[in-house]
C-alpha atoms as a PDB file:
ATOM      1  CA  UNK A   1       1.918   2.674  -1.435  1.00  0.00           C
ATOM      2  CA  UNK A   2       0.892   3.182  -5.053  1.00  0.00           C
ATOM      3  CA  UNK A   3      -0.249   6.232  -6.979  1.00  0.00           C
ATOM      4  CA  UNK A   4      -2.246   6.341 -10.213  1.00  0.00           C
ATOM      5  CA  UNK A   5      -1.329   9.141 -12.625  1.00  0.00           C
ATOM      6  CA  UNK A   6      -1.806   9.946 -16.293  1.00  0.00           C
ATOM      7  CA  UNK A   7       1.105   9.229 -18.636  1.00  0.00           C
ATOM      8  CA  UNK A   8       1.529  12.966 -19.324  1.00  0.00           C
ATOM      9  CA  UNK A   9       2.604  13.428 -15.683  1.00  0.00           C
ATOM     10  CA  UNK A  10       5.622  11.109 -15.973  1.00  0.00           C
ATOM     11  CA  UNK A  11       8.956  12.902 -15.788  1.00  0.00           C
ATOM     12  CA  UNK A  12      12.589  12.333 -14.854  1.00  0.00           C
ATOM     13  CA  UNK A  13      11.819  12.379 -11.119  1.00  0.00           C
ATOM     14  CA  UNK A  14      10.043   9.045 -11.670  1.00  0.00           C
ATOM     15  CA  UNK A  15      13.097   7.287 -13.145  1.00  0.00           C
ATOM     16  CA  UNK A  16      14.039   4.170 -11.189  1.00  0.00           C
ATOM     17  CA  UNK A  17      10.529   3.713  -9.805  1.00  0.00           C
ATOM     18  CA  UNK A  18       8.374   0.668 -10.475  1.00  0.00           C
ATOM     19  CA  UNK A  19       5.471   1.470 -12.779  1.00  0.00           C
ATOM     20  CA  UNK A  20       2.698  -0.610 -14.281  1.00  0.00           C
ATOM     21  CA  UNK A  21       0.005  -0.242 -16.893  1.00  0.00           C
ATOM     22  CA  UNK A  22      -2.016  -2.887 -18.777  1.00  0.00           C
ATOM     23  CA  UNK A  23       0.361  -5.571 -20.049  1.00  0.00           C
ATOM     24  CA  UNK A  24       3.525  -4.106 -18.528  1.00  0.00           C
ATOM     25  CA  UNK A  25       5.217  -3.822 -15.146  1.00  0.00           C
ATOM     26  CA  UNK A  26       8.817  -2.893 -14.436  1.00  0.00           C
ATOM     27  CA  UNK A  27      11.312  -0.142 -13.652  1.00  0.00           C
ATOM     28  CA  UNK A  28      11.010   3.151 -15.502  1.00  0.00           C
ATOM     29  CA  UNK A  29      14.346   3.769 -17.262  1.00  0.00           C
ATOM     30  CA  UNK A  30      13.409   6.711 -19.490  1.00  0.00           C
ATOM     31  CA  UNK A  31      10.543   8.986 -20.507  1.00  0.00           C
ATOM     32  CA  UNK A  32      10.101  11.242 -23.560  1.00  0.00           C
ATOM     33  CA  UNK A  33       7.191  13.539 -24.413  1.00  0.00           C
ATOM     34  CA  UNK A  34       6.576  14.449 -28.038  1.00  0.00           C
ATOM     35  CA  UNK A  35       4.247  15.260 -30.924  1.00  0.00           C
ATOM     36  CA  UNK A  36       3.425  13.439 -34.153  1.00  0.00           C
ATOM     37  CA  UNK A  37       2.596  15.814 -36.979  1.00  0.00           C
ATOM     38  CA  UNK A  38       0.857  14.759 -40.144  1.00  0.00           C
ATOM     39  CA  UNK A  39       0.446  16.349 -43.553  1.00  0.00           C
ATOM     40  CA  UNK A  40      -2.632  18.475 -44.082  1.00  0.00           C
ATOM     41  CA  UNK A  41      -5.056  20.090 -41.655  1.00  0.00           C
ATOM     42  CA  UNK A  42      -4.950  17.282 -39.092  1.00  0.00           C
ATOM     43  CA  UNK A  43      -3.747  18.527 -35.691  1.00  0.00           C
ATOM     44  CA  UNK A  44      -0.562  17.116 -34.215  1.00  0.00           C
ATOM     45  CA  UNK A  45      -0.982  14.273 -31.728  1.00  0.00           C
ATOM     46  CA  UNK A  46       0.775  14.149 -28.380  1.00  0.00           C
ATOM     47  CA  UNK A  47       2.412  10.969 -27.106  1.00  0.00           C
ATOM     48  CA  UNK A  48       4.565   9.733 -24.233  1.00  0.00           C
ATOM     49  CA  UNK A  49       7.327   7.173 -24.720  1.00  0.00           C
ATOM     50  CA  UNK A  50       8.171   5.169 -21.603  1.00  0.00           C
ATOM     51  CA  UNK A  51      11.170   2.853 -21.445  1.00  0.00           C
ATOM     52  CA  UNK A  52      10.296   0.142 -18.932  1.00  0.00           C
ATOM     53  CA  UNK A  53      13.177  -2.195 -18.200  1.00  0.00           C
ATOM     54  CA  UNK A  54      14.426  -2.852 -21.774  1.00  0.00           C
ATOM     55  CA  UNK A  55      11.123  -2.343 -23.615  1.00  0.00           C
ATOM     56  CA  UNK A  56       9.846   0.849 -25.238  1.00  0.00           C
ATOM     57  CA  UNK A  57       6.133   1.701 -24.972  1.00  0.00           C
ATOM     58  CA  UNK A  58       4.242   4.529 -26.664  1.00  0.00           C
ATOM     59  CA  UNK A  59       1.338   5.815 -24.595  1.00  0.00           C
ATOM     60  CA  UNK A  60      -1.414   8.372 -25.026  1.00  0.00           C
ATOM     61  CA  UNK A  61      -1.131  11.296 -22.583  1.00  0.00           C
ATOM     62  CA  UNK A  62      -4.379  10.269 -20.826  1.00  0.00           C
ATOM     63  CA  UNK A  63      -3.366   6.601 -20.277  1.00  0.00           C
ATOM     64  CA  UNK A  64      -3.371   5.610 -16.606  1.00  0.00           C
ATOM     65  CA  UNK A  65      -0.126   4.448 -14.995  1.00  0.00           C
ATOM     66  CA  UNK A  66       0.384   3.086 -11.481  1.00  0.00           C
ATOM     67  CA  UNK A  67       3.623   4.015  -9.714  1.00  0.00           C
ATOM     68  CA  UNK A  68       4.391   1.560  -6.910  1.00  0.00           C
ATOM     69  CA  UNK A  69       8.068   2.093  -6.216  1.00  0.00           C
ATOM     70  CA  UNK A  70      10.157   4.765  -4.582  1.00  0.00           C
ATOM     71  CA  UNK A  71      13.679   5.725  -5.453  1.00  0.00           C
ATOM     72  CA  UNK A  72      16.355   5.435  -2.842  1.00  0.00           C
ATOM     73  CA  UNK A  73      17.401   8.756  -1.364  1.00  0.00           C
ATOM     74  CA  UNK A  74      20.990   9.658  -2.158  1.00  0.00           C
ATOM     75  CA  UNK A  75      23.382   9.227   0.739  1.00  0.00           C
ATOM     76  CA  UNK A  76      24.441  12.425   2.423  1.00  0.00           C
ATOM     77  CA  UNK A  77      28.148  13.083   2.186  1.00  0.00           C
ATOM     78  CA  UNK A  78      29.727  14.223   5.494  1.00  0.00           C
END
């Protein structure tokens, strides 16, 4: 089963899942949300950094991402 979401919806609960977007497919290892501010009256720009396998990708918040993997549930300790 796969789900399509916007990059701004990625968070730490998605770590370890398989994600894909144009030109990339792999396991999500990290996600960071941030702002780029510029000098002058220009508004700050939002961005999402996704670490997929060993590559870092900077995405716009509205970019579409497909999540196709599920994390394993932790084992219950008796």
